[in-house]
Amino acid sequence: MESNFDDREYWIDILLKIADPILVNISKGTLKKNMLVESVDEDKVKFAYLEAVGRLICGIAPWLELGVDDSSEGKLRELYIDLIKKGLVNITNPDSDDYLLFDGFHQPLVDTAFLAEGILRAKTQLWDNMDEHGKSLILNAFKKTRSIKPYNTNWLLFASMIEAFFLETTGKCDENRLSYGNRRSEERFSRNAETD
């Protein structure tokens, strides 16, 4: 018996349910106003917005990078690319109500790395089509993470990811932050291999 169930249509529907509340609001500058955040730790509330945005964009980036076409899905991607580009400007503009925290604590390092990875995974759609003002706002916000010293764990790689973003988009980076996490990981793998 043949089923009429369409996996792709189902997954796109799930994507919309997850993405709409975040992306529509960041495009309008209303994420902080409308996103409900519950936490026993008030400090965590400050970071919940960047966590939601960064991880969402990182997750849907490969789909966005497929680009725009005449199909209903291609038109949907066009809408989401536009929402994200507007939203990226809002969350990185210090004059916006939706300006997010990119420094001051450790957590923004993690969530900025996810956002940086997302932009790189959809570089053609999200970065190459961004105007220079938007690019400047994003770069300035991401630079704030350089004030965060990562824990001496896999967090070193979050700093590396952000520097990889700078290298890819500007041709320049903090070479120590870019490579230190990789060197430490290689050292750990070498030690583990020797004890096996």
C-alpha atoms as a PDB file:
ATOM      1  CA  MET A   1       0.000   0.000   0.000  1.00  0.00           C
ATOM      2  CA  GLU A   2       1.473   3.324  -1.090  1.00  0.00           C
ATOM      3  CA  SER A   3       1.592   6.217   1.390  1.00  0.00           C
ATOM      4  CA  ASN A   4       0.906   9.850   0.539  1.00  0.00           C
ATOM      5  CA  PHE A   5       3.205  10.926   3.350  1.00  0.00           C
ATOM      6  CA  ASP A   6       5.940  13.287   2.137  1.00  0.00           C
ATOM      7  CA  ASP A   7       9.007  13.238   4.395  1.00  0.00           C
ATOM      8  CA  ARG A   8      10.442  16.461   3.001  1.00  0.00           C
ATOM      9  CA  GLU A   9       7.183  18.337   3.384  1.00  0.00           C
ATOM     10  CA  TYR A  10       6.931  17.086   6.964  1.00  0.00           C
ATOM     11  CA  TRP A  11      10.473  18.220   7.819  1.00  0.00           C
ATOM     12  CA  ILE A  12       9.936  21.638   6.229  1.00  0.00           C
ATOM     13  CA  ASP A  13       6.794  22.010   8.337  1.00  0.00           C
ATOM     14  CA  ILE A  14       8.799  21.182  11.491  1.00  0.00           C
ATOM     15  CA  LEU A  15      11.505  23.634  10.422  1.00  0.00           C
ATOM     16  CA  LEU A  16       8.913  26.406  10.081  1.00  0.00           C
ATOM     17  CA  LYS A  17       7.455  25.724  13.520  1.00  0.00           C
ATOM     18  CA  ILE A  18      10.893  25.985  15.103  1.00  0.00           C
ATOM     19  CA  ALA A  19      12.253  28.842  12.993  1.00  0.00           C
ATOM     20  CA  ASP A  20       9.320  31.235  12.667  1.00  0.00           C
ATOM     21  CA  PRO A  21       9.161  32.503  16.263  1.00  0.00           C
ATOM     22  CA  ILE A  22      12.875  33.302  16.231  1.00  0.00           C
ATOM     23  CA  LEU A  23      13.409  34.567  12.692  1.00  0.00           C
ATOM     24  CA  VAL A  24      10.253  36.643  12.328  1.00  0.00           C
ATOM     25  CA  ASN A  25      11.025  38.369  15.618  1.00  0.00           C
ATOM     26  CA  ILE A  26      14.708  39.101  14.946  1.00  0.00           C
ATOM     27  CA  SER A  27      13.750  40.525  11.551  1.00  0.00           C
ATOM     28  CA  LYS A  28      11.404  42.959  13.335  1.00  0.00           C
ATOM     29  CA  GLY A  29      13.665  43.643  16.306  1.00  0.00           C
ATOM     30  CA  THR A  30      11.139  42.091  18.714  1.00  0.00           C
ATOM     31  CA  LEU A  31      12.866  38.893  19.863  1.00  0.00           C
ATOM     32  CA  LYS A  32      13.653  40.105  23.392  1.00  0.00           C
ATOM     33  CA  LYS A  33      10.172  41.517  23.728  1.00  0.00           C
ATOM     34  CA  ASN A  34       8.343  38.382  22.594  1.00  0.00           C
ATOM     35  CA  MET A  35      10.559  35.382  23.425  1.00  0.00           C
ATOM     36  CA  LEU A  36       9.594  33.756  26.700  1.00  0.00           C
ATOM     37  CA  VAL A  37      12.599  32.598  28.691  1.00  0.00           C
ATOM     38  CA  GLU A  38      12.309  30.620  31.910  1.00  0.00           C
ATOM     39  CA  SER A  39      15.339  30.011  34.076  1.00  0.00           C
ATOM     40  CA  VAL A  40      16.158  29.843  37.763  1.00  0.00           C
ATOM     41  CA  ASP A  41      19.425  31.590  36.880  1.00  0.00           C
ATOM     42  CA  GLU A  42      18.794  35.174  35.745  1.00  0.00           C
ATOM     43  CA  ASP A  43      22.225  35.324  34.071  1.00  0.00           C
ATOM     44  CA  LYS A  44      21.209  32.527  31.702  1.00  0.00           C
ATOM     45  CA  VAL A  45      18.258  34.587  30.485  1.00  0.00           C
ATOM     46  CA  LYS A  46      20.718  37.131  29.080  1.00  0.00           C
ATOM     47  CA  PHE A  47      22.218  34.509  26.766  1.00  0.00           C
ATOM     48  CA  ALA A  48      19.125  32.566  25.765  1.00  0.00           C
ATOM     49  CA  TYR A  49      18.438  34.835  22.792  1.00  0.00           C
ATOM     50  CA  LEU A  50      21.861  34.421  21.169  1.00  0.00           C
ATOM     51  CA  GLU A  51      21.737  30.699  21.914  1.00  0.00           C
ATOM     52  CA  ALA A  52      18.409  30.367  20.101  1.00  0.00           C
ATOM     53  CA  VAL A  53      19.494  32.447  17.116  1.00  0.00           C
ATOM     54  CA  GLY A  54      22.966  30.947  16.718  1.00  0.00           C
ATOM     55  CA  ARG A  55      21.951  27.329  16.948  1.00  0.00           C
ATOM     56  CA  LEU A  56      18.895  27.762  14.741  1.00  0.00           C
ATOM     57  CA  ILE A  57      20.823  29.475  11.952  1.00  0.00           C
ATOM     58  CA  CYS A  58      23.636  26.928  12.199  1.00  0.00           C
ATOM     59  CA  GLY A  59      21.110  24.113  11.882  1.00  0.00           C
ATOM     60  CA  ILE A  60      19.187  25.409   8.875  1.00  0.00           C
ATOM     61  CA  ALA A  61      22.162  26.924   7.043  1.00  0.00           C
ATOM     62  CA  PRO A  62      22.752  24.027   4.601  1.00  0.00           C
ATOM     63  CA  TRP A  63      19.104  24.245   3.545  1.00  0.00           C
ATOM     64  CA  LEU A  64      19.396  28.027   3.095  1.00  0.00           C
ATOM     65  CA  GLU A  65      22.546  27.617   1.010  1.00  0.00           C
ATOM     66  CA  LEU A  66      20.532  25.719  -1.599  1.00  0.00           C
ATOM     67  CA  GLY A  67      19.387  29.206  -2.550  1.00  0.00           C
ATOM     68  CA  VAL A  68      16.351  30.628  -4.244  1.00  0.00           C
ATOM     69  CA  ASP A  69      14.459  29.007  -7.109  1.00  0.00           C
ATOM     70  CA  ASP A  70      10.932  28.970  -8.532  1.00  0.00           C
ATOM     71  CA  SER A  71       9.747  26.037  -6.412  1.00  0.00           C
ATOM     72  CA  SER A  72       7.607  26.663  -3.335  1.00  0.00           C
ATOM     73  CA  GLU A  73      10.545  25.553  -1.196  1.00  0.00           C
ATOM     74  CA  GLY A  74      12.917  27.867  -3.083  1.00  0.00           C
ATOM     75  CA  LYS A  75      10.575  30.793  -2.463  1.00  0.00           C
ATOM     76  CA  LEU A  76      10.380  29.811   1.193  1.00  0.00           C
ATOM     77  CA  ARG A  77      14.184  29.849   1.391  1.00  0.00           C
ATOM     78  CA  GLU A  78      14.161  33.327  -0.124  1.00  0.00           C
ATOM     79  CA  LEU A  79      11.845  34.502   2.649  1.00  0.00           C
ATOM     80  CA  TYR A  80      14.009  32.966   5.382  1.00  0.00           C
ATOM     81  CA  ILE A  81      17.247  34.296   3.920  1.00  0.00           C
ATOM     82  CA  ASP A  82      15.713  37.777   3.955  1.00  0.00           C
ATOM     83  CA  LEU A  83      14.442  37.387   7.545  1.00  0.00           C
ATOM     84  CA  ILE A  84      17.878  36.246   8.723  1.00  0.00           C
ATOM     85  CA  LYS A  85      19.765  39.027   6.954  1.00  0.00           C
ATOM     86  CA  LYS A  86      17.488  41.640   8.552  1.00  0.00           C
ATOM     87  CA  GLY A  87      17.747  39.842  11.876  1.00  0.00           C
ATOM     88  CA  LEU A  88      21.549  39.675  11.808  1.00  0.00           C
ATOM     89  CA  VAL A  89      21.610  43.451  11.471  1.00  0.00           C
ATOM     90  CA  ASN A  90      19.202  43.849  14.395  1.00  0.00           C
ATOM     91  CA  ILE A  91      21.019  41.518  16.785  1.00  0.00           C
ATOM     92  CA  THR A  92      24.440  43.081  16.067  1.00  0.00           C
ATOM     93  CA  ASN A  93      23.378  46.742  16.021  1.00  0.00           C
ATOM     94  CA  PRO A  94      23.993  48.385  19.424  1.00  0.00           C
ATOM     95  CA  ASP A  95      21.108  50.792  18.702  1.00  0.00           C
ATOM     96  CA  SER A  96      18.596  47.966  18.220  1.00  0.00           C
ATOM     97  CA  ASP A  97      16.225  46.748  20.927  1.00  0.00           C
ATOM     98  CA  ASP A  98      17.326  43.244  19.913  1.00  0.00           C
ATOM     99  CA  TYR A  99      21.065  43.837  20.273  1.00  0.00           C
ATOM    100  CA  LEU A 100      22.454  40.691  21.870  1.00  0.00           C
ATOM    101  CA  LEU A 101      25.317  40.071  24.294  1.00  0.00           C
ATOM    102  CA  PHE A 102      28.550  39.047  22.592  1.00  0.00           C
ATOM    103  CA  ASP A 103      30.846  39.547  25.594  1.00  0.00           C
ATOM    104  CA  GLY A 104      30.897  39.971  29.358  1.00  0.00           C
ATOM    105  CA  PHE A 105      30.527  36.301  30.252  1.00  0.00           C
ATOM    106  CA  HIS A 106      31.705  32.966  28.851  1.00  0.00           C
ATOM    107  CA  GLN A 107      28.495  31.721  27.188  1.00  0.00           C
ATOM    108  CA  PRO A 108      28.451  34.203  24.256  1.00  0.00           C
ATOM    109  CA  LEU A 109      31.648  32.572  22.981  1.00  0.00           C
ATOM    110  CA  VAL A 110      29.780  29.305  22.420  1.00  0.00           C
ATOM    111  CA  ASP A 111      26.702  30.803  20.813  1.00  0.00           C
ATOM    112  CA  THR A 112      28.639  33.229  18.611  1.00  0.00           C
ATOM    113  CA  ALA A 113      30.657  30.257  17.355  1.00  0.00           C
ATOM    114  CA  PHE A 114      27.428  28.490  16.366  1.00  0.00           C
ATOM    115  CA  LEU A 115      26.219  31.656  14.631  1.00  0.00           C
ATOM    116  CA  ALA A 116      29.564  32.094  12.853  1.00  0.00           C
ATOM    117  CA  GLU A 117      29.436  28.481  11.678  1.00  0.00           C
ATOM    118  CA  GLY A 118      25.882  28.997  10.435  1.00  0.00           C
ATOM    119  CA  ILE A 119      26.818  32.061   8.421  1.00  0.00           C
ATOM    120  CA  LEU A 120      29.761  30.195   6.904  1.00  0.00           C
ATOM    121  CA  ARG A 121      27.601  27.176   6.082  1.00  0.00           C
ATOM    122  CA  ALA A 122      25.296  29.492   4.118  1.00  0.00           C
ATOM    123  CA  LYS A 123      27.973  31.975   3.113  1.00  0.00           C
ATOM    124  CA  THR A 124      26.680  32.632  -0.398  1.00  0.00           C
ATOM    125  CA  GLN A 125      23.179  33.431   0.822  1.00  0.00           C
ATOM    126  CA  LEU A 126      23.839  35.121   4.171  1.00  0.00           C
ATOM    127  CA  TRP A 127      27.242  36.789   3.887  1.00  0.00           C
ATOM    128  CA  ASP A 128      27.970  37.361   0.223  1.00  0.00           C
ATOM    129  CA  ASN A 129      24.538  38.967  -0.243  1.00  0.00           C
ATOM    130  CA  MET A 130      24.810  41.132   2.907  1.00  0.00           C
ATOM    131  CA  ASP A 131      25.473  44.862   2.433  1.00  0.00           C
ATOM    132  CA  GLU A 132      28.676  46.381   3.815  1.00  0.00           C
ATOM    133  CA  HIS A 133      26.915  48.045   6.747  1.00  0.00           C
ATOM    134  CA  GLY A 134      25.469  44.700   7.874  1.00  0.00           C
ATOM    135  CA  LYS A 135      28.836  42.978   7.482  1.00  0.00           C
ATOM    136  CA  SER A 136      30.495  45.673   9.579  1.00  0.00           C
ATOM    137  CA  LEU A 137      27.940  45.296  12.386  1.00  0.00           C
ATOM    138  CA  ILE A 138      28.398  41.512  12.452  1.00  0.00           C
ATOM    139  CA  LEU A 139      32.196  41.734  12.460  1.00  0.00           C
ATOM    140  CA  ASN A 140      32.194  44.319  15.268  1.00  0.00           C
ATOM    141  CA  ALA A 141      29.843  42.206  17.397  1.00  0.00           C
ATOM    142  CA  PHE A 142      31.878  39.042  16.821  1.00  0.00           C
ATOM    143  CA  LYS A 143      35.118  40.877  17.747  1.00  0.00           C
ATOM    144  CA  LYS A 144      33.687  41.398  21.229  1.00  0.00           C
ATOM    145  CA  THR A 145      34.114  37.663  21.870  1.00  0.00           C
ATOM    146  CA  ARG A 146      37.876  38.146  21.798  1.00  0.00           C
ATOM    147  CA  SER A 147      37.607  39.511  25.344  1.00  0.00           C
ATOM    148  CA  ILE A 148      36.401  36.064  26.488  1.00  0.00           C
ATOM    149  CA  LYS A 149      39.099  33.634  27.573  1.00  0.00           C
ATOM    150  CA  PRO A 150      37.817  30.155  26.715  1.00  0.00           C
ATOM    151  CA  TYR A 151      37.995  27.348  29.232  1.00  0.00           C
ATOM    152  CA  ASN A 152      40.888  24.975  28.552  1.00  0.00           C
ATOM    153  CA  THR A 153      38.502  22.389  27.071  1.00  0.00           C
ATOM    154  CA  ASN A 154      36.665  22.002  23.784  1.00  0.00           C
ATOM    155  CA  TRP A 155      35.706  25.658  24.331  1.00  0.00           C
ATOM    156  CA  LEU A 156      39.061  26.536  22.761  1.00  0.00           C
ATOM    157  CA  LEU A 157      37.530  25.370  19.489  1.00  0.00           C
ATOM    158  CA  PHE A 158      34.654  27.855  19.832  1.00  0.00           C
ATOM    159  CA  ALA A 159      37.216  30.667  19.773  1.00  0.00           C
ATOM    160  CA  SER A 160      38.861  28.951  16.776  1.00  0.00           C
ATOM    161  CA  MET A 161      35.531  28.812  14.935  1.00  0.00           C
ATOM    162  CA  ILE A 162      34.993  32.546  15.326  1.00  0.00           C
ATOM    163  CA  GLU A 163      38.521  33.254  14.100  1.00  0.00           C
ATOM    164  CA  ALA A 164      37.940  30.921  11.139  1.00  0.00           C
ATOM    165  CA  PHE A 165      34.923  33.098  10.355  1.00  0.00           C
ATOM    166  CA  PHE A 166      37.111  36.222  10.414  1.00  0.00           C
ATOM    167  CA  LEU A 167      39.722  34.560   8.229  1.00  0.00           C
ATOM    168  CA  GLU A 168      37.135  33.429   5.683  1.00  0.00           C
ATOM    169  CA  THR A 169      35.244  36.741   5.536  1.00  0.00           C
ATOM    170  CA  THR A 170      38.070  39.296   5.941  1.00  0.00           C
ATOM    171  CA  GLY A 171      41.320  37.433   5.230  1.00  0.00           C
ATOM    172  CA  LYS A 172      42.563  38.329   8.741  1.00  0.00           C
ATOM    173  CA  CYS A 173      42.251  36.734  12.171  1.00  0.00           C
ATOM    174  CA  ASP A 174      43.871  36.317  15.549  1.00  0.00           C
ATOM    175  CA  GLU A 175      46.147  33.448  14.561  1.00  0.00           C
ATOM    176  CA  ASN A 176      46.741  32.304  18.122  1.00  0.00           C
ATOM    177  CA  ARG A 177      43.004  31.999  18.878  1.00  0.00           C
ATOM    178  CA  LEU A 178      42.525  30.269  15.533  1.00  0.00           C
ATOM    179  CA  SER A 179      45.175  27.604  16.029  1.00  0.00           C
ATOM    180  CA  TYR A 180      45.545  27.154  19.797  1.00  0.00           C
ATOM    181  CA  GLY A 181      42.447  24.974  20.186  1.00  0.00           C
ATOM    182  CA  ASN A 182      43.538  22.726  17.338  1.00  0.00           C
ATOM    183  CA  ARG A 183      47.032  22.341  18.779  1.00  0.00           C
ATOM    184  CA  ARG A 184      45.664  21.461  22.220  1.00  0.00           C
ATOM    185  CA  SER A 185      43.260  18.923  20.704  1.00  0.00           C
ATOM    186  CA  GLU A 186      46.060  17.299  18.725  1.00  0.00           C
ATOM    187  CA  GLU A 187      48.211  17.091  21.874  1.00  0.00           C
ATOM    188  CA  ARG A 188      45.385  15.379  23.765  1.00  0.00           C
ATOM    189  CA  PHE A 189      44.730  12.922  20.938  1.00  0.00           C
ATOM    190  CA  SER A 190      48.448  12.112  20.751  1.00  0.00           C
ATOM    191  CA  ARG A 191      48.627  11.450  24.495  1.00  0.00           C
ATOM    192  CA  ASN A 192      45.521   9.280  24.374  1.00  0.00           C
ATOM    193  CA  ALA A 193      46.892   7.301  21.408  1.00  0.00           C
ATOM    194  CA  GLU A 194      50.123   6.632  23.297  1.00  0.00           C
ATOM    195  CA  THR A 195      48.269   5.202  26.304  1.00  0.00           C
ATOM    196  CA  ASP A 196      46.010   2.915  24.213  1.00  0.00           C
END
